[in-house]
């Protein structure tokens, strides 16, 4: 089985999520921590979807 490369957009979403987490904790305490969790889940979902699309294109 060939290893999959992590899509670049996943890194972008991860960085956005980390910046959101830092900004939310600094500005509002832990009020927006759940939105960080949401962005992290979105990152995983989009990354898996892109990998699945890449597998279909290779077939």
C-alpha atoms as a PDB file:
ATOM      1  CA  UNK A   1       0.000   0.000   0.000  1.00  0.00           C
ATOM      2  CA  UNK A   2       1.366   3.375  -1.050  1.00  0.00           C
ATOM      3  CA  UNK A   3       1.563   6.023   1.678  1.00  0.00           C
ATOM      4  CA  UNK A   4      -0.560   9.115   1.120  1.00  0.00           C
ATOM      5  CA  UNK A   5       0.861  12.617   1.249  1.00  0.00           C
ATOM      6  CA  UNK A   6      -0.938  14.989   3.602  1.00  0.00           C
ATOM      7  CA  UNK A   7      -2.784  17.594   1.513  1.00  0.00           C
ATOM      8  CA  UNK A   8      -1.393  21.134   1.790  1.00  0.00           C
ATOM      9  CA  UNK A   9      -4.847  22.551   2.592  1.00  0.00           C
ATOM     10  CA  UNK A  10      -4.874  20.426   5.757  1.00  0.00           C
ATOM     11  CA  UNK A  11      -1.836  22.331   7.010  1.00  0.00           C
ATOM     12  CA  UNK A  12      -3.600  25.612   6.225  1.00  0.00           C
ATOM     13  CA  UNK A  13      -6.688  24.540   8.184  1.00  0.00           C
ATOM     14  CA  UNK A  14      -4.523  23.310  11.058  1.00  0.00           C
ATOM     15  CA  UNK A  15      -2.686  26.639  11.273  1.00  0.00           C
ATOM     16  CA  UNK A  16      -6.001  28.518  11.132  1.00  0.00           C
ATOM     17  CA  UNK A  17      -7.372  26.338  13.930  1.00  0.00           C
ATOM     18  CA  UNK A  18      -4.296  26.906  16.101  1.00  0.00           C
ATOM     19  CA  UNK A  19      -4.452  30.676  15.567  1.00  0.00           C
ATOM     20  CA  UNK A  20      -8.164  30.608  16.395  1.00  0.00           C
ATOM     21  CA  UNK A  21      -7.445  28.665  19.592  1.00  0.00           C
ATOM     22  CA  UNK A  22      -4.706  31.055  20.717  1.00  0.00           C
ATOM     23  CA  UNK A  23      -6.790  34.128  19.865  1.00  0.00           C
ATOM     24  CA  UNK A  24      -9.903  32.755  21.542  1.00  0.00           C
ATOM     25  CA  UNK A  25      -8.105  31.810  24.752  1.00  0.00           C
ATOM     26  CA  UNK A  26      -6.246  35.137  24.926  1.00  0.00           C
ATOM     27  CA  UNK A  27      -9.278  37.298  24.132  1.00  0.00           C
ATOM     28  CA  UNK A  28     -12.186  35.379  25.614  1.00  0.00           C
ATOM     29  CA  UNK A  29     -10.780  32.783  27.973  1.00  0.00           C
ATOM     30  CA  UNK A  30     -12.110  29.376  27.007  1.00  0.00           C
ATOM     31  CA  UNK A  31     -15.385  30.598  25.518  1.00  0.00           C
ATOM     32  CA  UNK A  32     -14.486  29.665  21.932  1.00  0.00           C
ATOM     33  CA  UNK A  33     -12.550  26.492  22.710  1.00  0.00           C
ATOM     34  CA  UNK A  34     -15.358  24.380  21.213  1.00  0.00           C
ATOM     35  CA  UNK A  35     -14.930  26.211  17.910  1.00  0.00           C
ATOM     36  CA  UNK A  36     -11.299  25.111  17.904  1.00  0.00           C
ATOM     37  CA  UNK A  37     -12.486  21.521  18.325  1.00  0.00           C
ATOM     38  CA  UNK A  38     -14.918  22.082  15.447  1.00  0.00           C
ATOM     39  CA  UNK A  39     -12.144  23.420  13.191  1.00  0.00           C
ATOM     40  CA  UNK A  40      -9.902  20.485  14.101  1.00  0.00           C
ATOM     41  CA  UNK A  41     -12.675  18.050  13.144  1.00  0.00           C
ATOM     42  CA  UNK A  42     -13.242  19.987   9.914  1.00  0.00           C
ATOM     43  CA  UNK A  43      -9.534  19.687   9.127  1.00  0.00           C
ATOM     44  CA  UNK A  44      -9.605  15.911   9.603  1.00  0.00           C
ATOM     45  CA  UNK A  45     -12.800  15.536   7.556  1.00  0.00           C
ATOM     46  CA  UNK A  46     -11.501  17.596   4.622  1.00  0.00           C
ATOM     47  CA  UNK A  47      -8.124  15.849   4.707  1.00  0.00           C
ATOM     48  CA  UNK A  48      -9.772  12.418   4.571  1.00  0.00           C
ATOM     49  CA  UNK A  49     -12.070  13.548   1.757  1.00  0.00           C
ATOM     50  CA  UNK A  50      -9.114  14.816  -0.302  1.00  0.00           C
ATOM     51  CA  UNK A  51      -7.224  11.552   0.252  1.00  0.00           C
ATOM     52  CA  UNK A  52     -10.303   9.584  -0.821  1.00  0.00           C
ATOM     53  CA  UNK A  53     -10.605  11.717  -3.984  1.00  0.00           C
ATOM     54  CA  UNK A  54      -6.916  11.136  -4.756  1.00  0.00           C
ATOM     55  CA  UNK A  55      -7.403   7.381  -4.435  1.00  0.00           C
ATOM     56  CA  UNK A  56     -10.342   7.505  -6.878  1.00  0.00           C
ATOM     57  CA  UNK A  57      -8.274   9.480  -9.403  1.00  0.00           C
ATOM     58  CA  UNK A  58      -5.419   6.952  -9.194  1.00  0.00           C
ATOM     59  CA  UNK A  59      -7.784   4.029  -9.876  1.00  0.00           C
END
